[in-house]
Amino acid sequence: MPKFEFNKLIRNNLRSEYEKMGQKATYRKLSKEEFSEALKQKLLEEACEIDTKDRQSVVNELADVYQVIEDMMDLNGVSLEEVVKVKDTKFQKKGGFSEAAYVEILELDTDDEWNEYYRKQPDVFKELS
């Protein structure tokens, strides 16, 4: 019988689905910290699966992303109202993303306070010479 290493968070009802199909899975309950990390990985996984060429795929994958977000909120005791309030505040201050503005290079003055912030994240912000 073929075996596959999964190491991934699954939806609650999939356990019984595996059994119905005659599949045997090895499970373990994650700690709160492990669950939090697994949800972050699941969020990335689901977001990467969005195929913007197909509207139904967008709807299906956004539903998965939203489920992960709801579970993250539950795990951390965060309400939807709280998230929406902060989102609205950020929108008022910084706007949304609908204009599709994409920064390729950001040039700062030598004494700009943001230099330190960007330099602490070289994997995200590569400093050019």
Protein backbone atom coordinates (compact mmCIF):
# COMPACT_ATOMS: atom_id res chain seq x y z
CA MET A 1 0.00 0.00 0.00
CA PRO A 2 1.52 3.38 -1.02
CA LYS A 3 2.14 5.88 1.78
CA PHE A 4 2.52 9.64 1.43
CA GLU A 5 3.96 12.05 3.97
CA PHE A 6 1.39 14.82 4.40
CA ASN A 7 2.40 17.00 7.35
CA LYS A 8 -0.45 19.42 6.78
CA LEU A 9 -3.51 20.74 8.51
CA ILE A 10 -6.75 19.25 7.19
CA ARG A 11 -10.39 20.21 7.50
CA ASN A 12 -12.29 18.60 10.39
CA ASN A 13 -14.54 16.36 8.29
CA LEU A 14 -11.76 14.90 6.15
CA ARG A 15 -10.93 12.29 8.79
CA SER A 16 -14.24 10.51 8.18
CA GLU A 17 -13.88 11.00 4.42
CA TYR A 18 -10.51 9.22 4.49
CA GLU A 19 -12.10 6.35 6.43
CA LYS A 20 -15.00 6.07 3.95
CA MET A 21 -12.48 5.79 1.12
CA GLY A 22 -10.51 3.11 2.96
CA GLN A 23 -7.53 5.40 3.49
CA LYS A 24 -5.56 5.16 6.72
CA ALA A 25 -4.10 8.32 8.20
CA THR A 26 -1.92 8.94 11.22
CA TYR A 27 -3.06 12.00 13.17
CA ARG A 28 -1.91 14.03 16.11
CA LYS A 29 -3.44 17.03 17.88
CA LEU A 30 -1.38 20.17 17.46
CA SER A 31 -0.47 22.43 20.35
CA LYS A 32 -1.77 25.99 20.20
CA GLU A 33 1.59 27.21 18.89
CA GLU A 34 1.78 24.44 16.29
CA PHE A 35 -1.82 25.10 15.26
CA SER A 36 -1.06 28.79 14.80
CA GLU A 37 1.93 27.96 12.56
CA ALA A 38 -0.09 25.37 10.62
CA LEU A 39 -2.83 27.95 10.00
CA LYS A 40 -0.25 30.40 8.63
CA GLN A 41 1.03 27.71 6.28
CA LYS A 42 -2.53 26.83 5.27
CA LEU A 43 -3.25 30.49 4.54
CA LEU A 44 -0.27 30.66 2.19
CA GLU A 45 -1.22 27.35 0.58
CA GLU A 46 -4.80 28.42 -0.08
CA ALA A 47 -3.81 31.87 -1.33
CA CYS A 48 -1.33 30.33 -3.78
CA GLU A 49 -4.07 28.09 -5.18
CA ILE A 50 -6.17 31.02 -6.43
CA ASP A 51 -6.41 30.86 -10.22
CA THR A 52 -7.51 34.32 -11.30
CA LYS A 53 -8.29 33.08 -14.82
CA ASP A 54 -11.26 31.16 -13.46
CA ARG A 55 -13.87 33.03 -11.40
CA GLN A 56 -15.16 29.90 -9.68
CA SER A 57 -11.63 29.01 -8.57
CA VAL A 58 -11.30 32.50 -7.11
CA VAL A 59 -14.55 32.04 -5.17
CA ASN A 60 -13.60 28.54 -3.96
CA GLU A 61 -10.10 29.47 -2.84
CA LEU A 62 -11.20 32.75 -1.25
CA ALA A 63 -13.72 30.69 0.74
CA ASP A 64 -10.81 28.50 1.92
CA VAL A 65 -8.72 31.57 2.76
CA TYR A 66 -11.65 33.06 4.68
CA GLN A 67 -12.11 29.80 6.63
CA VAL A 68 -8.45 29.88 7.68
CA ILE A 69 -8.81 33.52 8.70
CA GLU A 70 -11.90 32.71 10.79
CA ASP A 71 -10.03 29.87 12.49
CA MET A 72 -7.06 32.18 13.17
CA MET A 73 -9.44 34.73 14.66
CA ASP A 74 -11.06 32.08 16.88
CA LEU A 75 -7.68 30.76 18.02
CA ASN A 76 -6.58 34.25 19.03
CA GLY A 77 -9.89 35.51 20.43
CA VAL A 78 -10.28 38.16 17.75
CA SER A 79 -13.71 39.26 16.52
CA LEU A 80 -14.66 40.10 12.95
CA GLU A 81 -15.74 43.55 14.15
CA GLU A 82 -12.27 44.15 15.57
CA VAL A 83 -10.60 43.16 12.30
CA VAL A 84 -12.97 45.26 10.19
CA LYS A 85 -12.44 48.29 12.46
CA VAL A 86 -8.64 48.07 12.09
CA LYS A 87 -8.98 47.44 8.33
CA ASP A 88 -11.16 50.53 7.96
CA THR A 89 -8.70 52.64 9.98
CA LYS A 90 -5.81 51.46 7.81
CA PHE A 91 -7.87 52.10 4.69
CA GLN A 92 -8.59 55.68 5.79
CA LYS A 93 -4.89 56.29 6.43
CA LYS A 94 -3.18 54.27 3.67
CA GLY A 95 -5.94 53.27 1.24
CA GLY A 96 -6.45 49.84 -0.29
CA PHE A 97 -4.67 48.00 -3.06
CA SER A 98 -7.15 48.49 -5.93
CA GLU A 99 -4.93 50.86 -7.92
CA ALA A 100 -2.40 48.03 -8.39
CA ALA A 101 0.56 50.29 -7.57
CA TYR A 102 3.71 48.12 -7.34
CA VAL A 103 6.97 49.54 -5.97
CA GLU A 104 9.99 48.10 -7.76
CA ILE A 105 12.70 50.26 -6.14
CA LEU A 106 12.48 52.63 -3.18
CA GLU A 107 15.30 55.14 -2.77
CA LEU A 108 15.78 56.73 0.66
CA ASP A 109 17.98 59.49 2.04
CA THR A 110 20.97 58.18 3.99
CA ASP A 111 19.58 59.44 7.29
CA ASP A 112 16.01 58.20 6.70
CA GLU A 113 14.69 56.34 9.77
CA TRP A 114 13.23 53.59 7.55
CA ASN A 115 16.69 52.39 6.41
CA GLU A 116 17.11 50.35 9.59
CA TYR A 117 13.68 48.74 9.19
CA TYR A 118 14.39 47.62 5.61
CA ARG A 119 17.93 46.47 6.40
CA LYS A 120 16.65 44.17 9.15
CA GLN A 121 14.73 42.21 6.48
CA PRO A 122 17.25 41.51 3.69
CA ASP A 123 15.19 38.56 2.40
CA VAL A 124 12.27 40.91 1.81
CA PHE A 125 14.07 44.18 0.99
CA LYS A 126 17.29 43.58 -0.92
CA GLU A 127 19.58 46.59 -0.62
CA LEU A 128 21.01 47.69 -3.95
CA SER A 129 24.39 49.39 -4.23
